[in-house]
Amino acid sequence: MTMRNWGISLLLIFSLLGLVGCAVEKTSASKDENLEQKVTELEKKLEEQKAAEEAAKRAAEEKKKEEEAKKPKVVHVLEPDSKKLVKSFIPVEMGYGTNNEDYRKELEKWARDLARGTETTPGYDQRIVPDRIDANGQIIKGKPKVILEEAELVNAIMEASEKGGDVFLPIYVTESGYKPEDVPHLNEVVVASYSTTFNPSVTGRNRNIELSAQAINNVILGVGDVFSFNTTVGPSDAAHGYQPAQEIVNKELVMGIGGGICQTSSTLFNAIDQLGVEYVEWHHHSLSVGYVPAGRDATVSYGGKDFRFENTTGVPLLVKALYDKNGKLTFEIRTSAAYQSLIKK
């Protein structure tokens, strides 16, 4: 019943009561009793009508619940910050409840592609791009490490599949493991160093060494940071200034854009290998190279083989690349004097 109907009903009751009051003075006692009886009957009808409306409301709610229960449950996967819809699942249509094992496998494949990307779509996972120090000692910010935890996502969707609902992507962002106040001191002490030589007359190859070394110079490696040569240096193509030079491909020397950058990665390897780092990815050439001893090289190819290691020394490090156009490339690994004695080797 609407508020207006209730108001009219109450007004009628009060009017009848008013009539009862007037009747006391002008009518007999029997008429008073008749009016009171009518008021009682009206109040009873109002209560019955109210009870009927409440019963109808409850019935409608129960029917709605039954209809909702018949509908297939839907799981919506959302981005945590923007709340953007990533994908919606109807679990029962994918085998949930009848073949949960296959359902989970399908979710695992989807989560893996979502995190790591496909040939046509980039994933949420991002390798850290290290911060650097510019010529004025200021920090040039790179990019933090971003990880979409695949197993956590699959478990959350499985749990939500029973009743449906929203699941937010479990995305974790990790900044570089150093303190900004340490930066002015990271150049104080050389804790590892290694040099290789090259023919200064081979201009194309030398230019490639110079460009790749510049990309790594003054890179800050925080505690726990994973350095990726390919991510830090970027594409070694003509668009980025790299030139044709000899490179090793399938045990043969061929001309290719960017030839020579493996001398940069190998020189860096021999410097950082003097410290307590852990290798995530490390490959050898298919032929021996002349600028480092056998087995001490680190081949790289943008979009392919990479050289990656984790800074597990326990202290932040600074990578210095010193390119001498007369034929020498040196990598120095530095840190602050206060941290020198704490380095794990």
Protein backbone atom coordinates (compact mmCIF):
# COMPACT_ATOMS: atom_id res chain seq x y z
CA MET A 1 0.00 0.00 0.00
CA THR A 2 1.30 3.46 -0.88
CA MET A 3 1.91 6.19 1.66
CA ARG A 4 -0.97 8.15 0.18
CA ASN A 5 -3.44 5.26 0.70
CA TRP A 6 -2.27 4.80 4.28
CA GLY A 7 -2.71 8.50 4.90
CA ILE A 8 -6.27 8.46 3.59
CA SER A 9 -7.08 5.42 5.71
CA LEU A 10 -5.72 7.02 8.88
CA LEU A 11 -7.61 10.22 8.09
CA LEU A 12 -10.80 8.21 7.75
CA ILE A 13 -10.19 6.53 11.09
CA PHE A 14 -9.58 9.81 12.84
CA SER A 15 -12.70 11.26 11.19
CA LEU A 16 -14.79 8.37 12.44
CA LEU A 17 -13.33 8.78 15.90
CA GLY A 18 -14.25 12.43 15.71
CA LEU A 19 -17.77 11.45 14.81
CA VAL A 20 -17.79 9.15 17.77
CA GLY A 21 -16.85 12.10 19.98
CA CYS A 22 -19.66 14.19 18.55
CA ALA A 23 -22.11 11.34 18.87
CA VAL A 24 -21.52 11.21 22.61
CA GLU A 25 -23.24 14.50 22.95
CA LYS A 26 -26.02 14.04 20.37
CA THR A 27 -26.88 10.31 20.14
CA SER A 28 -27.63 7.42 22.36
CA ALA A 29 -25.11 4.90 23.76
CA SER A 30 -26.15 2.28 21.17
CA LYS A 31 -25.05 4.54 18.30
CA ASP A 32 -21.66 5.00 20.00
CA GLU A 33 -21.16 1.27 20.09
CA ASN A 34 -22.09 0.97 16.40
CA LEU A 35 -19.50 3.55 15.36
CA GLU A 36 -16.79 1.91 17.45
CA GLN A 37 -17.60 -1.42 15.86
CA LYS A 38 -17.24 0.07 12.39
CA VAL A 39 -13.86 1.56 13.32
CA THR A 40 -12.71 -1.82 14.63
CA GLU A 41 -13.82 -3.54 11.44
CA LEU A 42 -12.01 -0.95 9.33
CA GLU A 43 -8.81 -1.37 11.33
CA LYS A 44 -9.06 -5.14 10.87
CA LYS A 45 -9.47 -4.78 7.12
CA LEU A 46 -6.45 -2.49 6.98
CA GLU A 47 -4.33 -5.04 8.87
CA GLU A 48 -5.50 -7.85 6.59
CA GLN A 49 -4.68 -5.76 3.53
CA LYS A 50 -1.23 -4.97 4.92
CA ALA A 51 -0.57 -8.63 5.68
CA ALA A 52 -1.66 -9.60 2.17
CA GLU A 53 0.68 -7.05 0.62
CA GLU A 54 3.62 -8.28 2.73
CA ALA A 55 2.87 -11.87 1.77
CA ALA A 56 2.78 -10.90 -1.91
CA LYS A 57 6.09 -9.09 -1.51
CA ARG A 58 7.70 -12.14 0.10
CA ALA A 59 6.38 -14.38 -2.65
CA ALA A 60 7.82 -12.07 -5.32
CA GLU A 61 11.20 -12.09 -3.59
CA GLU A 62 11.20 -15.88 -3.35
CA LYS A 63 10.30 -16.16 -7.03
CA LYS A 64 13.13 -13.77 -7.91
CA LYS A 65 15.57 -15.86 -5.88
CA GLU A 66 14.42 -19.02 -7.63
CA GLU A 67 14.87 -17.39 -11.04
CA GLU A 68 18.35 -16.15 -10.09
CA ALA A 69 19.27 -19.61 -8.87
CA LYS A 70 18.36 -21.06 -12.27
CA LYS A 71 20.60 -18.61 -14.13
CA PRO A 72 24.20 -19.79 -14.79
CA LYS A 73 26.76 -18.20 -12.47
CA VAL A 74 29.13 -15.68 -14.07
CA VAL A 75 32.67 -14.76 -12.95
CA HIS A 76 33.93 -11.33 -14.00
CA VAL A 77 37.71 -10.79 -13.99
CA LEU A 78 38.63 -7.13 -13.44
CA GLU A 79 41.76 -4.99 -13.31
CA PRO A 80 42.43 -3.96 -9.68
CA ASP A 81 42.86 -0.21 -10.20
CA SER A 82 40.74 0.77 -13.18
CA LYS A 83 38.07 -1.91 -12.51
CA LYS A 84 38.16 -2.53 -16.26
CA LEU A 85 36.57 -5.82 -17.31
CA VAL A 86 39.22 -8.23 -18.60
CA LYS A 87 37.05 -11.29 -19.24
CA SER A 88 33.80 -12.93 -18.12
CA PHE A 89 33.46 -16.68 -17.57
CA ILE A 90 30.37 -18.86 -17.36
CA PRO A 91 31.95 -21.73 -15.42
CA VAL A 92 29.22 -24.33 -16.00
CA GLU A 93 29.59 -23.89 -19.78
CA MET A 94 33.34 -24.59 -19.44
CA GLY A 95 32.89 -27.82 -17.50
CA TYR A 96 32.80 -26.56 -13.92
CA GLY A 97 30.90 -29.00 -11.76
CA THR A 98 31.24 -31.86 -14.25
CA ASN A 99 34.93 -31.81 -15.18
CA ASN A 100 36.79 -29.46 -12.85
CA GLU A 101 40.21 -30.75 -13.90
CA ASP A 102 39.77 -29.73 -17.55
CA TYR A 103 38.16 -26.48 -16.42
CA ARG A 104 41.22 -25.65 -14.31
CA LYS A 105 43.59 -26.51 -17.19
CA GLU A 106 41.73 -24.12 -19.48
CA LEU A 107 41.95 -21.40 -16.85
CA GLU A 108 45.67 -22.04 -16.38
CA LYS A 109 46.35 -21.64 -20.11
CA TRP A 110 44.33 -18.42 -20.22
CA ALA A 111 46.12 -17.04 -17.14
CA ARG A 112 49.51 -17.93 -18.62
CA ASP A 113 48.75 -16.11 -21.88
CA LEU A 114 47.34 -13.16 -19.97
CA ALA A 115 50.46 -12.85 -17.83
CA ARG A 116 53.16 -13.59 -20.39
CA GLY A 117 51.45 -12.42 -23.56
CA THR A 118 50.98 -14.06 -26.95
CA GLU A 119 52.35 -13.39 -30.42
CA THR A 120 49.70 -10.71 -30.94
CA THR A 121 48.95 -9.45 -27.42
CA PRO A 122 51.40 -8.22 -24.75
CA GLY A 123 51.09 -9.70 -21.29
CA TYR A 124 50.81 -8.02 -17.91
CA ASP A 125 54.24 -9.29 -16.80
CA GLN A 126 57.04 -6.76 -17.28
CA ARG A 127 60.74 -7.13 -16.59
CA ILE A 128 62.31 -4.36 -14.57
CA VAL A 129 63.98 -1.58 -16.55
CA PRO A 130 66.73 -0.38 -14.18
CA ASP A 131 66.92 3.21 -12.99
CA ARG A 132 70.00 5.13 -14.12
CA ILE A 133 72.07 8.10 -13.01
CA ASP A 134 72.46 10.95 -15.51
CA ALA A 135 75.49 13.20 -15.99
CA ASN A 136 74.23 15.51 -13.24
CA GLY A 137 73.81 12.75 -10.68
CA GLN A 138 70.02 12.74 -11.00
CA ILE A 139 67.99 9.54 -11.13
CA ILE A 140 66.41 8.62 -14.45
CA LYS A 141 63.50 6.35 -13.59
CA GLY A 142 63.12 3.07 -15.44
CA LYS A 143 60.17 0.75 -14.93
CA PRO A 144 59.30 -1.51 -11.98
CA LYS A 145 58.89 -5.26 -12.23
CA VAL A 146 55.26 -6.27 -12.76
CA ILE A 147 54.05 -9.82 -12.13
CA LEU A 148 50.59 -11.29 -12.59
CA GLU A 149 50.46 -14.29 -10.25
CA GLU A 150 48.92 -16.96 -12.47
CA ALA A 151 48.27 -19.63 -9.82
CA GLU A 152 46.64 -17.12 -7.48
CA LEU A 153 44.37 -15.93 -10.29
CA VAL A 154 43.29 -19.46 -11.23
CA ASN A 155 42.54 -20.35 -7.61
CA ALA A 156 40.47 -17.18 -7.16
CA ILE A 157 38.40 -17.95 -10.27
CA MET A 158 37.87 -21.56 -9.15
CA GLU A 159 36.66 -20.36 -5.76
CA ALA A 160 34.29 -17.81 -7.33
CA SER A 161 32.89 -20.31 -9.83
CA GLU A 162 30.45 -21.80 -7.31
CA LYS A 163 28.43 -18.62 -6.72
CA GLY A 164 29.80 -16.23 -9.36
CA GLY A 165 31.08 -12.74 -8.68
CA ASP A 166 34.07 -10.49 -9.29
CA VAL A 167 37.74 -11.50 -9.24
CA PHE A 168 40.51 -8.90 -9.39
CA LEU A 169 43.79 -9.62 -11.15
CA PRO A 170 46.52 -10.35 -8.57
CA ILE A 171 49.12 -7.94 -9.95
CA TYR A 172 52.26 -7.22 -7.94
CA VAL A 173 54.56 -4.29 -8.67
CA THR A 174 58.13 -4.30 -7.30
CA GLU A 175 60.34 -1.23 -7.40
CA SER A 176 64.13 -1.44 -7.62
CA GLY A 177 65.75 -2.50 -4.34
CA TYR A 178 67.81 0.55 -3.48
CA LYS A 179 67.36 3.69 -1.37
CA PRO A 180 67.47 7.08 -3.13
CA GLU A 181 69.80 8.39 -0.42
CA ASP A 182 72.37 5.74 -1.44
CA VAL A 183 72.66 7.03 -5.01
CA PRO A 184 75.27 9.78 -4.39
CA HIS A 185 77.59 7.17 -2.84
CA LEU A 186 77.26 4.24 -5.26
CA ASN A 187 80.19 5.48 -7.35
CA GLU A 188 82.67 5.41 -4.47
CA VAL A 189 84.29 1.95 -4.68
CA VAL A 190 85.10 -0.42 -7.56
CA VAL A 191 84.34 -3.96 -6.39
CA ALA A 192 84.74 -5.76 -9.76
CA SER A 193 86.13 -4.88 -13.17
CA TYR A 194 86.82 -6.52 -16.53
CA SER A 195 88.14 -5.27 -19.90
CA THR A 196 88.18 -6.58 -23.45
CA THR A 197 89.82 -5.17 -26.58
CA PHE A 198 88.62 -4.63 -30.14
CA ASN A 199 90.04 -3.47 -33.45
CA PRO A 200 89.47 0.31 -33.57
CA SER A 201 89.43 0.31 -37.38
CA VAL A 202 86.24 -1.81 -37.68
CA THR A 203 83.87 1.12 -37.44
CA GLY A 204 80.48 -0.60 -37.74
CA ARG A 205 81.16 -3.21 -35.08
CA ASN A 206 82.76 -0.68 -32.76
CA ARG A 207 79.78 1.65 -33.05
CA ASN A 208 77.51 -1.21 -32.00
CA ILE A 209 79.70 -1.91 -28.97
CA GLU A 210 79.65 1.76 -28.06
CA LEU A 211 75.85 2.11 -28.32
CA SER A 212 75.13 -1.01 -26.28
CA ALA A 213 77.67 0.00 -23.62
CA GLN A 214 76.14 3.47 -23.36
CA ALA A 215 72.73 1.88 -22.72
CA ILE A 216 74.11 0.08 -19.66
CA ASN A 217 76.36 2.84 -18.31
CA ASN A 218 75.34 4.17 -14.87
CA VAL A 219 72.60 1.58 -14.40
CA ILE A 220 71.58 1.03 -10.76
CA LEU A 221 71.10 -2.59 -9.69
CA GLY A 222 69.12 -2.69 -6.47
CA VAL A 223 69.12 -5.67 -4.12
CA GLY A 224 67.07 -8.43 -5.73
CA ASP A 225 66.83 -6.69 -9.11
CA VAL A 226 67.01 -8.97 -12.15
CA PHE A 227 69.07 -7.37 -14.92
CA SER A 228 68.13 -8.20 -18.51
CA PHE A 229 70.58 -7.20 -21.24
CA ASN A 230 67.92 -7.16 -23.95
CA THR A 231 65.42 -5.18 -21.87
CA THR A 232 68.04 -2.62 -20.82
CA VAL A 233 69.77 -2.18 -24.19
CA GLY A 234 66.67 -2.49 -26.34
CA PRO A 235 66.49 -3.36 -30.06
CA SER A 236 69.86 -3.46 -31.80
CA ASP A 237 68.47 -2.41 -35.18
CA ALA A 238 69.12 0.32 -37.74
CA ALA A 239 66.29 2.44 -36.34
CA HIS A 240 68.29 2.73 -33.10
CA GLY A 241 71.58 3.56 -34.83
CA TYR A 242 73.12 0.08 -35.02
CA GLN A 243 75.21 -0.77 -38.05
CA PRO A 244 76.06 -3.87 -40.13
CA ALA A 245 78.89 -5.98 -38.74
CA GLN A 246 79.96 -9.60 -38.49
CA GLU A 247 78.10 -11.82 -36.03
CA ILE A 248 77.95 -15.55 -35.32
CA VAL A 249 74.81 -17.32 -36.53
CA ASN A 250 74.58 -21.13 -36.53
CA LYS A 251 78.35 -21.56 -36.27
CA GLU A 252 79.00 -19.19 -39.15
CA LEU A 253 80.22 -15.60 -39.38
CA VAL A 254 77.65 -13.51 -41.24
CA MET A 255 76.89 -9.84 -41.64
CA GLY A 256 74.05 -8.53 -39.55
CA ILE A 257 72.78 -5.31 -38.03
CA GLY A 258 74.10 -5.00 -34.48
CA GLY A 259 77.02 -7.37 -34.77
CA GLY A 260 79.42 -6.82 -31.88
CA ILE A 261 76.97 -6.29 -29.03
CA CYS A 262 77.86 -9.74 -27.70
CA GLN A 263 81.28 -8.35 -26.80
CA THR A 264 79.43 -5.88 -24.57
CA SER A 265 77.34 -8.61 -22.91
CA SER A 266 80.38 -10.89 -22.51
CA THR A 267 82.52 -8.13 -20.96
CA LEU A 268 79.71 -7.36 -18.53
CA PHE A 269 79.39 -11.06 -17.67
CA ASN A 270 83.07 -11.35 -16.77
CA ALA A 271 82.84 -8.30 -14.53
CA ILE A 272 79.64 -9.23 -12.69
CA ASP A 273 80.72 -12.87 -12.37
CA GLN A 274 83.28 -11.78 -9.76
CA LEU A 275 80.40 -11.07 -7.37
CA GLY A 276 77.69 -13.18 -5.77
CA VAL A 277 75.00 -12.94 -8.43
CA GLU A 278 72.66 -15.68 -9.64
CA TYR A 279 72.17 -16.26 -13.35
CA VAL A 280 68.64 -16.40 -14.69
CA GLU A 281 69.59 -16.81 -18.35
CA TRP A 282 73.02 -17.25 -19.92
CA HIS A 283 74.00 -18.66 -23.34
CA HIS A 284 77.28 -19.34 -25.16
CA HIS A 285 78.09 -18.67 -28.80
CA SER A 286 78.11 -21.58 -31.24
CA LEU A 287 81.74 -20.67 -32.08
CA SER A 288 84.64 -19.50 -29.94
CA VAL A 289 85.14 -15.74 -29.72
CA GLY A 290 88.50 -14.08 -29.43
CA TYR A 291 87.80 -11.32 -26.94
CA VAL A 292 87.19 -13.57 -23.87
CA PRO A 293 88.47 -17.04 -22.83
CA ALA A 294 86.52 -20.11 -23.99
CA GLY A 295 83.30 -20.57 -22.04
CA ARG A 296 83.38 -17.01 -20.68
CA ASP A 297 81.12 -15.45 -23.30
CA ALA A 298 77.46 -14.44 -23.12
CA THR A 299 75.59 -14.31 -26.43
CA VAL A 300 72.45 -12.20 -26.84
CA SER A 301 69.89 -11.47 -29.54
CA TYR A 302 67.00 -9.05 -29.09
CA GLY A 303 63.77 -11.02 -29.06
CA GLY A 304 65.75 -14.23 -28.55
CA LYS A 305 68.62 -15.23 -26.29
CA ASP A 306 69.20 -12.92 -23.34
CA PHE A 307 71.75 -12.47 -20.57
CA ARG A 308 69.97 -12.10 -17.23
CA PHE A 309 71.16 -12.22 -13.63
CA GLU A 310 69.80 -11.34 -10.20
CA ASN A 311 71.68 -9.05 -7.83
CA THR A 312 72.01 -11.37 -4.85
CA THR A 313 75.06 -9.60 -3.42
CA GLY A 314 72.96 -8.05 -0.65
CA VAL A 315 73.90 -4.46 -1.58
CA PRO A 316 72.94 -2.02 -4.38
CA LEU A 317 75.40 -1.75 -7.26
CA LEU A 318 76.26 0.75 -9.97
CA VAL A 319 77.36 -0.47 -13.42
CA LYS A 320 79.89 1.73 -15.21
CA ALA A 321 80.66 1.15 -18.91
CA LEU A 322 83.88 2.75 -20.14
CA TYR A 323 84.26 2.77 -23.93
CA ASP A 324 87.64 3.75 -25.34
CA LYS A 325 87.54 4.36 -29.10
CA ASN A 326 91.16 3.26 -29.30
CA GLY A 327 90.07 -0.33 -28.76
CA LYS A 328 89.11 -1.07 -25.15
CA LEU A 329 85.82 -1.73 -23.36
CA THR A 330 85.72 -1.89 -19.55
CA PHE A 331 82.89 -2.63 -17.15
CA GLU A 332 83.26 -1.57 -13.52
CA ILE A 333 80.86 -2.64 -10.80
CA ARG A 334 80.76 -0.07 -8.03
CA THR A 335 79.03 0.54 -4.70
CA SER A 336 79.36 2.82 -1.69
CA ALA A 337 82.27 2.45 0.72
CA ALA A 338 79.79 1.67 3.50
CA TYR A 339 78.52 -1.38 1.60
CA GLN A 340 81.86 -2.75 0.37
CA SER A 341 82.41 -5.11 3.28
CA LEU A 342 78.83 -6.43 3.08
CA ILE A 343 79.03 -7.75 -0.48
CA LYS A 344 78.45 -11.47 -0.94
CA LYS A 345 80.98 -12.95 -3.34
